[in-house]
Protein backbone atom coordinates (compact mmCIF):
# COMPACT_ATOMS: atom_id res chain seq x y z
CA MET A 1 -50.17 21.32 -9.34
CA THR A 2 -46.76 20.04 -10.42
CA ASN A 3 -45.29 20.96 -7.02
CA ARG A 4 -47.94 18.87 -5.30
CA ILE A 5 -47.27 15.88 -7.57
CA THR A 6 -43.51 16.26 -7.20
CA ARG A 7 -43.71 16.41 -3.40
CA THR A 8 -46.02 13.40 -3.33
CA LEU A 9 -43.64 11.38 -5.50
CA LEU A 10 -40.69 12.48 -3.37
CA ALA A 11 -42.45 11.44 -0.16
CA PHE A 12 -43.45 8.11 -1.70
CA SER A 13 -39.90 7.41 -2.86
CA VAL A 14 -38.46 8.22 0.59
CA VAL A 15 -40.96 5.92 2.28
CA LEU A 16 -40.21 3.18 -0.25
CA ALA A 17 -36.44 3.57 0.22
CA VAL A 18 -36.68 3.50 4.02
CA GLY A 19 -39.02 0.52 3.89
CA THR A 20 -36.64 -1.33 1.60
CA ALA A 21 -33.66 -0.57 3.82
CA LEU A 22 -35.42 -1.76 6.98
CA ALA A 23 -37.17 -4.78 5.48
CA ARG A 24 -34.42 -7.32 6.18
CA GLN A 25 -30.84 -7.58 7.29
CA ALA A 26 -28.16 -7.27 4.66
CA GLU A 27 -26.38 -10.47 3.73
CA ALA A 28 -23.44 -10.92 1.45
CA GLY A 29 -24.57 -11.37 -2.15
CA ARG A 30 -28.31 -10.92 -1.51
CA GLY A 31 -30.66 -7.97 -1.97
CA GLY A 32 -28.12 -5.62 -3.52
CA ASN A 33 -29.77 -5.64 -6.93
CA LEU A 34 -33.18 -4.64 -5.61
CA ALA A 35 -31.79 -1.80 -3.49
CA ALA A 36 -29.67 -0.53 -6.39
CA GLY A 37 -32.67 -0.66 -8.72
CA VAL A 38 -34.83 1.27 -6.27
CA ALA A 39 -32.11 3.88 -5.74
CA ILE A 40 -31.49 4.38 -9.46
CA GLY A 41 -35.21 4.52 -10.21
CA THR A 42 -35.73 7.07 -7.44
CA LEU A 43 -32.90 9.30 -8.65
CA LEU A 44 -34.06 9.04 -12.26
CA GLY A 45 -37.66 9.88 -11.31
CA LEU A 46 -36.62 12.84 -9.17
CA GLY A 47 -34.38 14.12 -11.96
CA ILE A 48 -37.21 13.99 -14.49
CA ALA A 49 -39.65 15.62 -12.05
CA GLY A 50 -37.16 18.38 -11.24
CA ALA A 51 -36.49 19.07 -14.92
CA TYR A 52 -40.21 19.19 -15.65
CA ALA A 53 -40.99 21.53 -12.74
CA GLY A 54 -38.04 23.87 -13.39
CA PRO A 55 -38.33 27.37 -14.80
CA ARG A 56 -38.83 27.80 -18.52
CA TYR A 57 -37.38 30.48 -20.73
CA TYR A 58 -39.68 31.84 -23.40
CA GLY A 59 -37.52 34.67 -24.67
CA PRO A 60 -37.69 38.39 -23.86
CA ALA A 61 -40.76 39.47 -21.93
CA TYR A 62 -40.86 42.86 -23.64
CA ALA A 63 -40.84 43.89 -27.28
CA PRO A 64 -37.70 45.55 -28.67
CA GLY A 65 -37.47 49.13 -27.45
CA CYS A 66 -39.72 48.45 -24.43
CA TYR A 67 -38.79 48.10 -20.79
CA PRO A 68 -40.55 47.75 -17.42
CA GLY A 69 -41.50 51.07 -15.87
CA PRO A 70 -41.49 52.06 -12.22
CA ARG A 71 -43.38 49.90 -9.76
CA GLN A 72 -46.91 51.06 -8.98
CA CYS A 73 -49.29 49.71 -6.37
CA GLY A 74 -53.02 50.17 -5.90
CA TRP A 75 -56.36 48.50 -5.22
CA ALA A 76 -57.95 46.27 -7.85
CA GLY A 77 -61.60 45.16 -7.82
CA ARG A 78 -62.59 47.54 -5.03
CA SER A 79 -66.07 49.05 -4.71
CA CYS A 80 -66.66 52.43 -3.07
CA TRP A 81 -69.82 54.39 -2.19
CA ARG A 82 -70.97 57.26 -0.02
CA ASN A 83 -72.76 56.44 3.20
CA PRO A 84 -75.62 58.57 4.64
CA TYR A 85 -73.08 60.68 6.59
CA GLY A 86 -71.26 61.77 3.42
CA GLU A 87 -68.21 59.61 4.00
CA THR A 88 -66.68 57.49 1.25
CA VAL A 89 -66.65 53.81 2.21
CA CYS A 90 -64.65 51.23 0.25
CA GLU A 91 -64.72 47.45 0.59
CA GLY A 92 -63.24 44.37 -1.03
CA GLY A 93 -60.58 44.25 -3.64
CA VAL A 94 -56.96 43.22 -3.57
CA TRP A 95 -53.84 45.35 -3.13
CA ARG A 96 -51.65 44.67 -6.18
CA CYS A 97 -48.37 45.96 -7.54
CA TRP A 98 -47.34 46.07 -11.18
CA ARG A 99 -44.75 47.53 -13.54
CA PRO A 100 -46.30 49.12 -16.63
CA THR A 101 -44.50 48.60 -19.94
CA ILE A 102 -42.87 51.72 -21.37
CA CYS A 103 -41.98 51.76 -25.08
CA ASP A 104 -39.84 54.41 -26.79
């Protein structure tokens, strides 16, 4: 959700900046304050959005003495049954990989 909001704000700020730049011809002593204000506001907004959407550190993911084990993959949420011919038929589910926690 935050990526969508950030991209929307970024697109809006680019459109606003281009629109401001193309709105009128530059003249000496006129329009510089508005363009500077838009540029500073855009950079400030993008900086805040980038800091908010950045990764967060919550400390170690494993308890002391624990570590991630070897990677394992398998089906999750899959249903299987035997058809009238004696064959095993499986449907649905998702192929997932995980690393079980190993504690000493």
